[in-house]
Amino acid sequence: MGRRKKPSKPTAEMKARAKEWLRFRSDNMLSQIALSEITGIFRRTIQNIEAGIECDPHKRILDAFSALQATYAAEGRSTGKPSKHGTIQKQGEF
């Protein structure tokens, strides 16, 4: 019942996931902390995924990220441009 072992080298899937998460964050001008607050995922988990360290994130984490991507795409905010107020705002924030 200890911690899961981390693979010695990142796999192709881990590298692809890391690039996807990092690209999404940079396109939407989100910090790891902001992404963490929006999705409810620990910042350290986001850091590990983007570094290619997290080998098998929980389904809840992947679902939260996918839902956020879909929301941003539907709102047209995934272009990397700031909102009309100059910053990307959290959902439900005015």
C-alpha atoms as a PDB file:
ATOM      1  CA  MET A   1       0.000   0.000   0.000  1.00  0.00           C
ATOM      2  CA  GLY A   2       2.908   2.316  -0.673  1.00  0.00           C
ATOM      3  CA  ARG A   3       3.331   4.876  -3.368  1.00  0.00           C
ATOM      4  CA  ARG A   4       3.158   3.891  -6.996  1.00  0.00           C
ATOM      5  CA  LYS A   5       6.522   3.507  -8.636  1.00  0.00           C
ATOM      6  CA  LYS A   6       7.410   6.115 -11.216  1.00  0.00           C
ATOM      7  CA  PRO A   7       8.887   4.855 -14.462  1.00  0.00           C
ATOM      8  CA  SER A   8      12.521   5.681 -15.044  1.00  0.00           C
ATOM      9  CA  LYS A   9      11.855   7.328 -18.419  1.00  0.00           C
ATOM     10  CA  PRO A  10       8.760   9.219 -19.576  1.00  0.00           C
ATOM     11  CA  THR A  11       6.727   7.300 -22.138  1.00  0.00           C
ATOM     12  CA  ALA A  12       5.454   8.798 -25.396  1.00  0.00           C
ATOM     13  CA  GLU A  13       1.980   9.102 -23.837  1.00  0.00           C
ATOM     14  CA  MET A  14       3.370  10.965 -20.820  1.00  0.00           C
ATOM     15  CA  LYS A  15       5.313  13.355 -23.068  1.00  0.00           C
ATOM     16  CA  ALA A  16       2.232  14.011 -25.222  1.00  0.00           C
ATOM     17  CA  ARG A  17       0.075  14.676 -22.137  1.00  0.00           C
ATOM     18  CA  ALA A  18       2.744  17.019 -20.729  1.00  0.00           C
ATOM     19  CA  LYS A  19       2.850  19.021 -23.973  1.00  0.00           C
ATOM     20  CA  GLU A  20      -0.945  19.175 -24.167  1.00  0.00           C
ATOM     21  CA  TRP A  21      -1.335  20.477 -20.607  1.00  0.00           C
ATOM     22  CA  LEU A  22       1.500  22.978 -20.957  1.00  0.00           C
ATOM     23  CA  ARG A  23       0.197  24.243 -24.308  1.00  0.00           C
ATOM     24  CA  PHE A  24      -3.317  24.669 -22.897  1.00  0.00           C
ATOM     25  CA  ARG A  25      -2.003  26.621 -19.917  1.00  0.00           C
ATOM     26  CA  SER A  26       0.213  28.892 -21.974  1.00  0.00           C
ATOM     27  CA  ASP A  27      -2.453  29.467 -24.673  1.00  0.00           C
ATOM     28  CA  ASN A  28      -4.885  30.567 -21.988  1.00  0.00           C
ATOM     29  CA  MET A  29      -2.335  32.425 -19.875  1.00  0.00           C
ATOM     30  CA  LEU A  30      -2.989  30.295 -16.792  1.00  0.00           C
ATOM     31  CA  SER A  31      -0.465  29.566 -14.086  1.00  0.00           C
ATOM     32  CA  GLN A  32      -0.280  26.140 -12.499  1.00  0.00           C
ATOM     33  CA  ILE A  33      -1.912  27.659  -9.436  1.00  0.00           C
ATOM     34  CA  ALA A  34      -4.794  29.120 -11.471  1.00  0.00           C
ATOM     35  CA  LEU A  35      -5.340  25.814 -13.285  1.00  0.00           C
ATOM     36  CA  SER A  36      -5.262  24.070  -9.927  1.00  0.00           C
ATOM     37  CA  GLU A  37      -7.907  26.371  -8.462  1.00  0.00           C
ATOM     38  CA  ILE A  38     -10.189  26.086 -11.495  1.00  0.00           C
ATOM     39  CA  THR A  39     -10.048  22.294 -11.820  1.00  0.00           C
ATOM     40  CA  GLY A  40      -9.588  21.283  -8.186  1.00  0.00           C
ATOM     41  CA  ILE A  41      -6.394  19.408  -9.045  1.00  0.00           C
ATOM     42  CA  PHE A  42      -3.393  19.823  -6.753  1.00  0.00           C
ATOM     43  CA  ARG A  43      -0.733  22.139  -8.183  1.00  0.00           C
ATOM     44  CA  ARG A  44       1.912  19.507  -7.515  1.00  0.00           C
ATOM     45  CA  THR A  45      -0.013  17.002  -9.657  1.00  0.00           C
ATOM     46  CA  ILE A  46      -0.174  19.523 -12.514  1.00  0.00           C
ATOM     47  CA  GLN A  47       3.544  20.174 -12.095  1.00  0.00           C
ATOM     48  CA  ASN A  48       4.290  16.426 -12.239  1.00  0.00           C
ATOM     49  CA  ILE A  49       2.105  15.869 -15.305  1.00  0.00           C
ATOM     50  CA  GLU A  50       3.754  18.747 -17.180  1.00  0.00           C
ATOM     51  CA  ALA A  51       7.193  17.460 -16.197  1.00  0.00           C
ATOM     52  CA  GLY A  52       6.331  13.979 -17.467  1.00  0.00           C
ATOM     53  CA  ILE A  53       6.675  12.504 -13.992  1.00  0.00           C
ATOM     54  CA  GLU A  54       3.042  11.568 -13.317  1.00  0.00           C
ATOM     55  CA  CYS A  55       2.688   8.257 -15.125  1.00  0.00           C
ATOM     56  CA  ASP A  56      -0.950   7.392 -14.504  1.00  0.00           C
ATOM     57  CA  PRO A  57      -3.166  10.285 -13.363  1.00  0.00           C
ATOM     58  CA  HIS A  58      -6.515   9.368 -11.849  1.00  0.00           C
ATOM     59  CA  LYS A  59      -9.527   9.405 -14.201  1.00  0.00           C
ATOM     60  CA  ARG A  60     -11.052  12.283 -12.193  1.00  0.00           C
ATOM     61  CA  ILE A  61      -8.013  14.426 -12.980  1.00  0.00           C
ATOM     62  CA  LEU A  62      -8.168  13.669 -16.698  1.00  0.00           C
ATOM     63  CA  ASP A  63     -11.933  14.282 -16.737  1.00  0.00           C
ATOM     64  CA  ALA A  64     -11.569  17.650 -14.965  1.00  0.00           C
ATOM     65  CA  PHE A  65      -8.947  18.769 -17.466  1.00  0.00           C
ATOM     66  CA  SER A  66     -11.013  17.575 -20.445  1.00  0.00           C
ATOM     67  CA  ALA A  67     -14.090  19.397 -19.125  1.00  0.00           C
ATOM     68  CA  LEU A  68     -12.100  22.606 -18.732  1.00  0.00           C
ATOM     69  CA  GLN A  69     -10.726  22.293 -22.278  1.00  0.00           C
ATOM     70  CA  ALA A  70     -14.257  21.808 -23.618  1.00  0.00           C
ATOM     71  CA  THR A  71     -15.548  24.803 -21.659  1.00  0.00           C
ATOM     72  CA  TYR A  72     -12.779  27.068 -22.913  1.00  0.00           C
ATOM     73  CA  ALA A  73     -13.243  25.872 -26.503  1.00  0.00           C
ATOM     74  CA  ALA A  74     -17.015  26.465 -26.327  1.00  0.00           C
ATOM     75  CA  GLU A  75     -16.432  29.973 -24.974  1.00  0.00           C
ATOM     76  CA  GLY A  76     -13.801  30.684 -27.610  1.00  0.00           C
ATOM     77  CA  ARG A  77     -11.156  31.302 -24.962  1.00  0.00           C
ATOM     78  CA  SER A  78      -8.669  28.657 -26.071  1.00  0.00           C
ATOM     79  CA  THR A  79      -7.002  31.020 -28.550  1.00  0.00           C
ATOM     80  CA  GLY A  80      -4.524  32.391 -26.040  1.00  0.00           C
ATOM     81  CA  LYS A  81      -6.010  35.878 -26.192  1.00  0.00           C
ATOM     82  CA  PRO A  82      -7.109  37.613 -22.987  1.00  0.00           C
ATOM     83  CA  SER A  83     -10.783  38.090 -22.251  1.00  0.00           C
ATOM     84  CA  LYS A  84     -12.408  41.494 -22.761  1.00  0.00           C
ATOM     85  CA  HIS A  85     -11.391  42.421 -19.210  1.00  0.00           C
ATOM     86  CA  GLY A  86      -7.731  41.676 -19.882  1.00  0.00           C
ATOM     87  CA  THR A  87      -7.422  38.519 -17.812  1.00  0.00           C
ATOM     88  CA  ILE A  88      -8.769  35.020 -17.905  1.00  0.00           C
ATOM     89  CA  GLN A  89     -11.369  34.717 -15.181  1.00  0.00           C
ATOM     90  CA  LYS A  90     -12.343  31.643 -13.244  1.00  0.00           C
ATOM     91  CA  GLN A  91     -15.733  30.126 -13.957  1.00  0.00           C
ATOM     92  CA  GLY A  92     -18.434  31.888 -12.003  1.00  0.00           C
ATOM     93  CA  GLU A  93     -16.210  34.865 -11.202  1.00  0.00           C
ATOM     94  CA  PHE A  94     -17.319  38.357 -12.202  1.00  0.00           C
END
